[in-house]
Amino acid sequence: MAGRRARLLPRALIPHAARLLPSDLQTVVVDLDGKQVRLSNLQKPFWPALGVTKGDLLRYYLTIAPTLLPHLRDRAMVMRRYPDGAEGASFFMKQAPASRPAWLETCPVSHASGKIVEYPMVQDLASLLWVVNLGCIDLNQWYARCDDPDRPDYLHFDLDPGPDATFARVRETALALHETLDALRITNYAKTTGSRGVHVYVPIVRGPTQKDVWRVARAIALEIVAAAGTLATAEYSTAKRPSDRVLIDYNQNAWGQTLASVYSVRPSAWAGVSMPVTWREVTRGMAIEDFRIDTAAARIKRRGDLWEPLLARQGRVQLSRFQ
């Protein structure tokens, strides 16, 4: 083992664990209510140009875990693993590996092929650390909870700029979408993607199937595009899509698709974070680079969880009135 020997962190010290993952350790074993998680390769560069290591990534998630975990609980997690950091190759993994700890909860989901996939679930700090330690930079959970994976409680739009579209155009598209949703009396919240775009989420009353949610999202997206002129597009084919427009991607609402969760770090060059923002901030012209792994925790501490309303039962949209 390179570096100093592994250290077992007592449970009582876990609230301060961000200070207890020293940069000169390669491996630490944390004990959380009897669940032991081995955190390895802590000194491995994950963003070499920024000097950000795998240990830094784990420290970030440790710090924000109380805010993040409620948004992940009871949902299947698709793992996107970056074993060599943000600049290295990545691969998707759905099935929780056989080597997973016995305490890890999984969500069995039946697919059209008849295969049942046991997705991991991030239910607590131990499972969060276990997933991130596999090299998962961002966290990609299902829109539906595990007890009924075909009936989501969110509808969303992924605003994805073409290669020649500026972030200013993304903001403009987001505001056009916000205005339309408000006019329809549809509650909506925004967050940066941590990469190049913006996600707009609508909390809905669970009931419609994923296919029904997709249909409503598609209808709204097409309405926006029709009114947006040369600003936005819903063309899914990259070959046919104008490069200077913003894609209003409603197809991410399809069954089994996922987006990076709120507060996820992204493999962008600046180690961006998918951060909730107010519509006032969007109007004022925030920059996507403002939200990074080195600034996110302080913002969360200062502003609180701007997406806490999405966890509530009240205020959710009855999607059936739009079907």
Protein backbone atom coordinates (compact mmCIF):
# COMPACT_ATOMS: atom_id res chain seq x y z
CA MET A 1 0.00 0.00 0.00
CA ALA A 2 1.43 3.39 -1.02
CA GLY A 3 1.42 6.24 1.50
CA ARG A 4 0.71 5.78 5.19
CA ARG A 5 -1.26 2.86 6.57
CA ALA A 6 -5.05 2.80 6.53
CA ARG A 7 -6.74 4.43 9.48
CA LEU A 8 -10.10 3.52 10.96
CA LEU A 9 -12.07 6.67 11.72
CA PRO A 10 -14.28 6.34 14.80
CA ARG A 11 -17.97 6.96 14.24
CA ALA A 12 -17.96 9.90 16.67
CA LEU A 13 -15.47 11.72 14.45
CA ILE A 14 -17.41 11.32 11.22
CA PRO A 15 -19.12 14.75 11.44
CA HIS A 16 -15.61 16.18 11.06
CA ALA A 17 -14.41 13.59 8.54
CA ALA A 18 -13.67 16.21 5.87
CA ARG A 19 -10.72 17.19 8.07
CA LEU A 20 -9.84 13.57 8.78
CA LEU A 21 -8.94 12.47 5.27
CA PRO A 22 -5.40 13.85 5.17
CA SER A 23 -3.85 14.29 1.78
CA ASP A 24 -0.89 12.08 2.74
CA LEU A 25 -3.09 9.01 3.24
CA GLN A 26 -3.79 6.61 0.41
CA THR A 27 -6.42 4.55 2.22
CA VAL A 28 -8.85 5.21 5.05
CA VAL A 29 -11.49 2.91 6.53
CA VAL A 30 -14.48 4.74 7.96
CA ASP A 31 -16.96 3.20 10.36
CA LEU A 32 -20.51 4.53 10.15
CA ASP A 33 -22.98 2.89 12.52
CA GLY A 34 -21.18 -0.41 12.08
CA LYS A 35 -20.88 -0.07 8.31
CA GLN A 36 -17.24 -0.01 7.31
CA VAL A 37 -16.25 1.64 4.03
CA ARG A 38 -12.74 1.43 2.65
CA LEU A 39 -11.77 4.60 0.78
CA SER A 40 -8.80 3.97 -1.48
CA ASN A 41 -6.42 5.82 -3.82
CA LEU A 42 -7.13 9.10 -2.05
CA GLN A 43 -4.04 10.77 -3.50
CA LYS A 44 -4.94 9.86 -7.08
CA PRO A 45 -5.29 13.00 -9.27
CA PHE A 46 -8.86 13.28 -10.57
CA TRP A 47 -8.39 16.79 -12.06
CA PRO A 48 -4.59 16.99 -12.49
CA ALA A 49 -4.60 20.55 -13.82
CA LEU A 50 -6.54 21.73 -10.77
CA GLY A 51 -4.64 19.65 -8.24
CA VAL A 52 -7.91 17.97 -7.20
CA THR A 53 -7.61 14.37 -6.02
CA LYS A 54 -10.04 11.55 -5.42
CA GLY A 55 -9.70 12.36 -1.73
CA ASP A 56 -10.86 15.92 -2.43
CA LEU A 57 -13.91 14.54 -4.23
CA LEU A 58 -14.76 12.33 -1.26
CA ARG A 59 -14.25 15.24 1.15
CA TYR A 60 -16.70 17.34 -0.86
CA TYR A 61 -19.40 14.67 -0.71
CA LEU A 62 -18.76 14.11 2.99
CA THR A 63 -19.22 17.80 3.64
CA ILE A 64 -22.51 18.19 1.75
CA ALA A 65 -23.99 14.76 2.55
CA PRO A 66 -26.72 16.05 4.91
CA THR A 67 -28.07 18.27 2.11
CA LEU A 68 -27.56 15.80 -0.72
CA LEU A 69 -28.82 12.51 0.73
CA PRO A 70 -32.55 13.34 0.90
CA HIS A 71 -32.49 13.89 -2.87
CA LEU A 72 -31.02 10.43 -3.52
CA ARG A 73 -32.77 8.14 -1.05
CA ASP A 74 -35.00 5.28 -2.27
CA ARG A 75 -33.93 5.68 -5.90
CA ALA A 76 -32.01 3.32 -8.15
CA MET A 77 -28.55 4.66 -8.94
CA VAL A 78 -26.87 4.31 -12.32
CA MET A 79 -23.13 4.38 -11.73
CA ARG A 80 -20.90 6.23 -14.17
CA ARG A 81 -17.37 5.35 -13.16
CA TYR A 82 -14.23 7.36 -13.92
CA PRO A 83 -11.45 5.14 -12.57
CA ASP A 84 -8.76 7.48 -13.92
CA GLY A 85 -10.45 10.74 -13.05
CA ALA A 86 -12.32 13.35 -15.03
CA GLU A 87 -9.97 13.26 -18.02
CA GLY A 88 -9.97 9.48 -18.30
CA ALA A 89 -12.37 7.06 -19.93
CA SER A 90 -15.66 6.37 -18.17
CA PHE A 91 -18.21 3.57 -18.29
CA PHE A 92 -21.75 3.05 -17.09
CA MET A 93 -22.62 0.31 -14.63
CA LYS A 94 -26.16 -0.52 -13.53
CA GLN A 95 -25.87 -3.82 -11.68
CA ALA A 96 -24.41 -3.49 -8.19
CA PRO A 97 -21.24 -5.61 -8.22
CA ALA A 98 -21.16 -8.94 -6.45
CA SER A 99 -18.39 -7.59 -4.23
CA ARG A 100 -20.71 -4.96 -2.74
CA PRO A 101 -20.97 -4.84 1.06
CA ALA A 102 -23.76 -6.88 2.64
CA TRP A 103 -25.33 -3.74 4.12
CA LEU A 104 -25.79 -1.98 0.77
CA GLU A 105 -29.46 -1.69 -0.21
CA THR A 106 -30.36 -2.38 -3.83
CA CYS A 107 -33.37 -1.68 -6.03
CA PRO A 108 -34.46 -4.54 -8.31
CA VAL A 109 -35.86 -3.23 -11.60
CA SER A 110 -37.33 -5.50 -14.27
CA HIS A 111 -36.34 -4.55 -17.83
CA ALA A 112 -38.13 -5.31 -21.11
CA SER A 113 -35.65 -8.11 -21.78
CA GLY A 114 -36.93 -9.86 -18.68
CA LYS A 115 -33.68 -9.27 -16.85
CA ILE A 116 -33.89 -7.92 -13.31
CA VAL A 117 -31.12 -5.44 -12.54
CA GLU A 118 -30.14 -4.81 -8.93
CA TYR A 119 -29.25 -1.13 -8.87
CA PRO A 120 -27.46 0.23 -5.80
CA MET A 121 -29.26 2.84 -3.71
CA VAL A 122 -27.60 5.70 -1.84
CA GLN A 123 -29.52 5.59 1.43
CA ASP A 124 -26.97 6.98 3.85
CA LEU A 125 -23.46 8.33 4.20
CA ALA A 126 -21.87 4.88 4.03
CA SER A 127 -23.49 4.04 0.68
CA LEU A 128 -22.68 7.51 -0.67
CA LEU A 129 -18.98 7.05 0.13
CA TRP A 130 -19.01 3.52 -1.28
CA VAL A 131 -20.42 4.71 -4.63
CA VAL A 132 -18.05 7.68 -4.93
CA ASN A 133 -15.09 5.48 -4.02
CA LEU A 134 -15.86 3.40 -7.12
CA GLY A 135 -14.91 6.47 -9.14
CA CYS A 136 -18.39 7.91 -9.58
CA ILE A 137 -17.78 11.63 -9.97
CA ASP A 138 -21.44 12.47 -10.53
CA LEU A 139 -24.51 10.69 -9.16
CA ASN A 140 -27.25 9.60 -11.54
CA GLN A 141 -30.42 8.47 -9.80
CA TRP A 142 -33.79 7.46 -11.27
CA TYR A 143 -36.64 9.96 -11.39
CA ALA A 144 -38.97 7.42 -9.80
CA ARG A 145 -38.58 5.88 -6.36
CA CYS A 146 -37.82 2.22 -6.01
CA ASP A 147 -41.28 1.18 -4.79
CA ASP A 148 -42.74 2.12 -8.21
CA PRO A 149 -39.97 2.68 -10.79
CA ASP A 150 -42.43 3.33 -13.63
CA ARG A 151 -44.08 6.35 -11.97
CA PRO A 152 -41.72 9.30 -11.51
CA ASP A 153 -42.23 12.25 -9.22
CA TYR A 154 -40.32 14.68 -11.45
CA LEU A 155 -40.61 15.99 -14.98
CA HIS A 156 -37.58 17.82 -16.30
CA PHE A 157 -35.91 19.50 -19.24
CA ASP A 158 -32.22 19.28 -20.07
CA LEU A 159 -31.14 22.47 -21.83
CA ASP A 160 -28.09 21.39 -23.79
CA PRO A 161 -26.29 24.00 -25.92
CA GLY A 162 -24.93 23.12 -29.33
CA PRO A 163 -21.19 23.56 -29.88
CA ASP A 164 -21.67 27.12 -31.15
CA ALA A 165 -24.29 28.17 -28.59
CA THR A 166 -23.21 30.35 -25.67
CA PHE A 167 -24.28 29.96 -22.07
CA ALA A 168 -26.12 33.27 -22.48
CA ARG A 169 -28.40 31.47 -24.95
CA VAL A 170 -28.91 28.69 -22.41
CA ARG A 171 -30.02 31.25 -19.83
CA GLU A 172 -32.35 32.85 -22.37
CA THR A 173 -33.88 29.48 -23.21
CA ALA A 174 -34.26 28.64 -19.52
CA LEU A 175 -36.10 31.90 -18.89
CA ALA A 176 -38.41 31.28 -21.87
CA LEU A 177 -39.20 27.84 -20.45
CA HIS A 178 -39.70 29.31 -16.98
CA GLU A 179 -42.13 31.91 -18.34
CA THR A 180 -44.15 29.26 -20.19
CA LEU A 181 -44.30 26.94 -17.17
CA ASP A 182 -45.33 29.79 -14.89
CA ALA A 183 -48.09 30.75 -17.32
CA LEU A 184 -49.34 27.15 -17.13
CA ARG A 185 -49.15 27.32 -13.32
CA ILE A 186 -46.47 24.62 -13.32
CA THR A 187 -44.01 24.96 -10.45
CA ASN A 188 -40.44 24.80 -11.73
CA TYR A 189 -36.89 24.95 -10.38
CA ALA A 190 -33.53 25.40 -12.08
CA LYS A 191 -30.03 24.10 -11.52
CA THR A 192 -26.86 24.26 -13.53
CA THR A 193 -25.72 21.00 -15.07
CA GLY A 194 -22.15 21.56 -13.89
CA SER A 195 -21.11 21.17 -17.51
CA ARG A 196 -22.55 23.50 -20.20
CA GLY A 197 -26.28 23.69 -19.62
CA VAL A 198 -29.21 24.07 -17.26
CA HIS A 199 -31.72 21.55 -15.91
CA VAL A 200 -35.29 22.66 -15.19
CA TYR A 201 -37.28 20.34 -12.91
CA VAL A 202 -40.99 20.15 -12.19
CA PRO A 203 -42.11 18.27 -9.04
CA ILE A 204 -45.18 16.23 -9.95
CA VAL A 205 -47.73 14.17 -8.07
CA ARG A 206 -46.78 10.56 -8.62
CA GLY A 207 -49.30 8.69 -10.73
CA PRO A 208 -48.68 9.10 -14.48
CA THR A 209 -46.33 6.58 -16.04
CA GLN A 210 -42.91 7.56 -17.34
CA LYS A 211 -44.32 7.45 -20.90
CA ASP A 212 -47.09 9.89 -19.94
CA VAL A 213 -44.56 12.22 -18.33
CA TRP A 214 -42.46 12.06 -21.50
CA ARG A 215 -45.49 13.04 -23.63
CA VAL A 216 -46.22 16.14 -21.52
CA ALA A 217 -42.55 17.18 -21.55
CA ARG A 218 -42.46 16.77 -25.33
CA ALA A 219 -45.57 18.90 -25.84
CA ILE A 220 -44.16 21.71 -23.71
CA ALA A 221 -40.75 21.55 -25.41
CA LEU A 222 -42.28 21.76 -28.88
CA GLU A 223 -44.39 24.74 -27.80
CA ILE A 224 -41.28 26.55 -26.58
CA VAL A 225 -39.36 25.77 -29.76
CA ALA A 226 -42.20 27.03 -31.95
CA ALA A 227 -42.12 30.38 -30.16
CA ALA A 228 -38.35 30.66 -29.74
CA GLY A 229 -37.35 31.32 -33.35
CA THR A 230 -33.66 30.56 -33.81
CA LEU A 231 -32.95 30.24 -30.08
CA ALA A 232 -33.87 26.65 -29.32
CA THR A 233 -34.50 23.31 -30.95
CA ALA A 234 -36.02 19.95 -30.08
CA GLU A 235 -34.28 18.16 -32.95
CA TYR A 236 -32.74 15.03 -31.47
CA SER A 237 -30.52 14.17 -34.44
CA THR A 238 -27.17 15.93 -34.04
CA ALA A 239 -26.71 15.90 -37.81
CA LYS A 240 -29.90 17.92 -38.31
CA ARG A 241 -29.60 20.16 -35.25
CA PRO A 242 -28.35 23.76 -35.78
CA SER A 243 -25.09 24.07 -33.86
CA ASP A 244 -25.88 27.50 -32.41
CA ARG A 245 -29.20 26.51 -30.81
CA VAL A 246 -30.04 25.13 -27.40
CA LEU A 247 -31.56 21.66 -27.38
CA ILE A 248 -34.60 21.36 -25.11
CA ASP A 249 -34.07 17.70 -24.44
CA TYR A 250 -37.37 16.17 -23.35
CA ASN A 251 -36.19 12.66 -24.27
CA GLN A 252 -34.31 12.49 -20.97
CA ASN A 253 -37.77 11.79 -19.49
CA ALA A 254 -37.79 8.37 -21.17
CA TRP A 255 -37.87 5.29 -18.95
CA GLY A 256 -34.50 4.38 -17.53
CA GLN A 257 -32.80 7.67 -18.44
CA THR A 258 -31.01 9.68 -15.77
CA LEU A 259 -29.42 13.08 -15.28
CA ALA A 260 -26.71 14.09 -12.83
CA SER A 261 -28.31 14.77 -9.47
CA VAL A 262 -28.45 18.08 -7.73
CA TYR A 263 -25.11 18.90 -6.03
CA SER A 264 -23.24 16.35 -8.18
CA VAL A 265 -19.69 17.17 -9.19
CA ARG A 266 -19.22 16.89 -12.95
CA PRO A 267 -16.17 15.84 -14.99
CA SER A 268 -15.91 19.31 -16.54
CA ALA A 269 -12.51 20.97 -16.82
CA TRP A 270 -13.28 23.26 -13.85
CA ALA A 271 -14.80 20.48 -11.67
CA GLY A 272 -18.23 22.08 -11.89
CA VAL A 273 -21.12 21.27 -9.59
CA SER A 274 -24.77 20.86 -10.59
CA MET A 275 -26.04 23.67 -8.40
CA PRO A 276 -29.57 24.90 -7.67
CA VAL A 277 -30.02 28.52 -8.68
CA THR A 278 -32.83 30.99 -8.27
CA TRP A 279 -34.60 32.39 -11.29
CA ARG A 280 -33.33 35.81 -10.21
CA GLU A 281 -29.77 34.52 -10.56
CA VAL A 282 -30.57 33.19 -14.03
CA THR A 283 -32.03 36.57 -15.00
CA ARG A 284 -29.02 38.42 -13.65
CA GLY A 285 -26.67 36.30 -15.75
CA MET A 286 -24.86 33.88 -13.48
CA ALA A 287 -21.92 32.01 -15.04
CA ILE A 288 -21.84 28.23 -14.94
CA GLU A 289 -18.19 28.32 -13.83
CA ASP A 290 -19.28 30.08 -10.61
CA PHE A 291 -20.28 26.71 -9.15
CA ARG A 292 -17.31 24.42 -8.55
CA ILE A 293 -16.09 21.77 -6.16
CA ASP A 294 -14.09 24.41 -4.28
CA THR A 295 -16.97 26.89 -3.90
CA ALA A 296 -20.10 24.72 -3.68
CA ALA A 297 -20.00 23.73 0.00
CA ALA A 298 -19.70 27.35 1.15
CA ARG A 299 -22.66 28.35 -1.05
CA ILE A 300 -24.79 25.50 0.31
CA LYS A 301 -23.93 26.53 3.87
CA ARG A 302 -24.82 30.15 3.08
CA ARG A 303 -27.98 29.62 1.00
CA GLY A 304 -29.24 26.32 2.36
CA ASP A 305 -30.92 23.75 0.12
CA LEU A 306 -32.67 25.73 -2.60
CA TRP A 307 -34.18 22.48 -3.84
CA GLU A 308 -35.71 21.48 -0.52
CA PRO A 309 -39.23 22.25 -1.88
CA LEU A 310 -38.77 19.41 -4.38
CA LEU A 311 -38.71 16.96 -1.46
CA ALA A 312 -42.09 18.08 -0.10
CA ARG A 313 -45.43 16.43 -0.81
CA GLN A 314 -47.13 19.80 -1.01
CA GLY A 315 -46.88 22.00 -4.07
CA ARG A 316 -46.46 19.20 -6.60
CA VAL A 317 -48.09 19.52 -10.00
CA GLN A 318 -51.04 17.33 -11.00
CA LEU A 319 -49.79 16.29 -14.42
CA SER A 320 -53.10 14.65 -15.33
CA ARG A 321 -54.61 18.07 -16.14
CA PHE A 322 -52.19 18.36 -19.08
CA GLN A 323 -52.74 14.89 -20.54
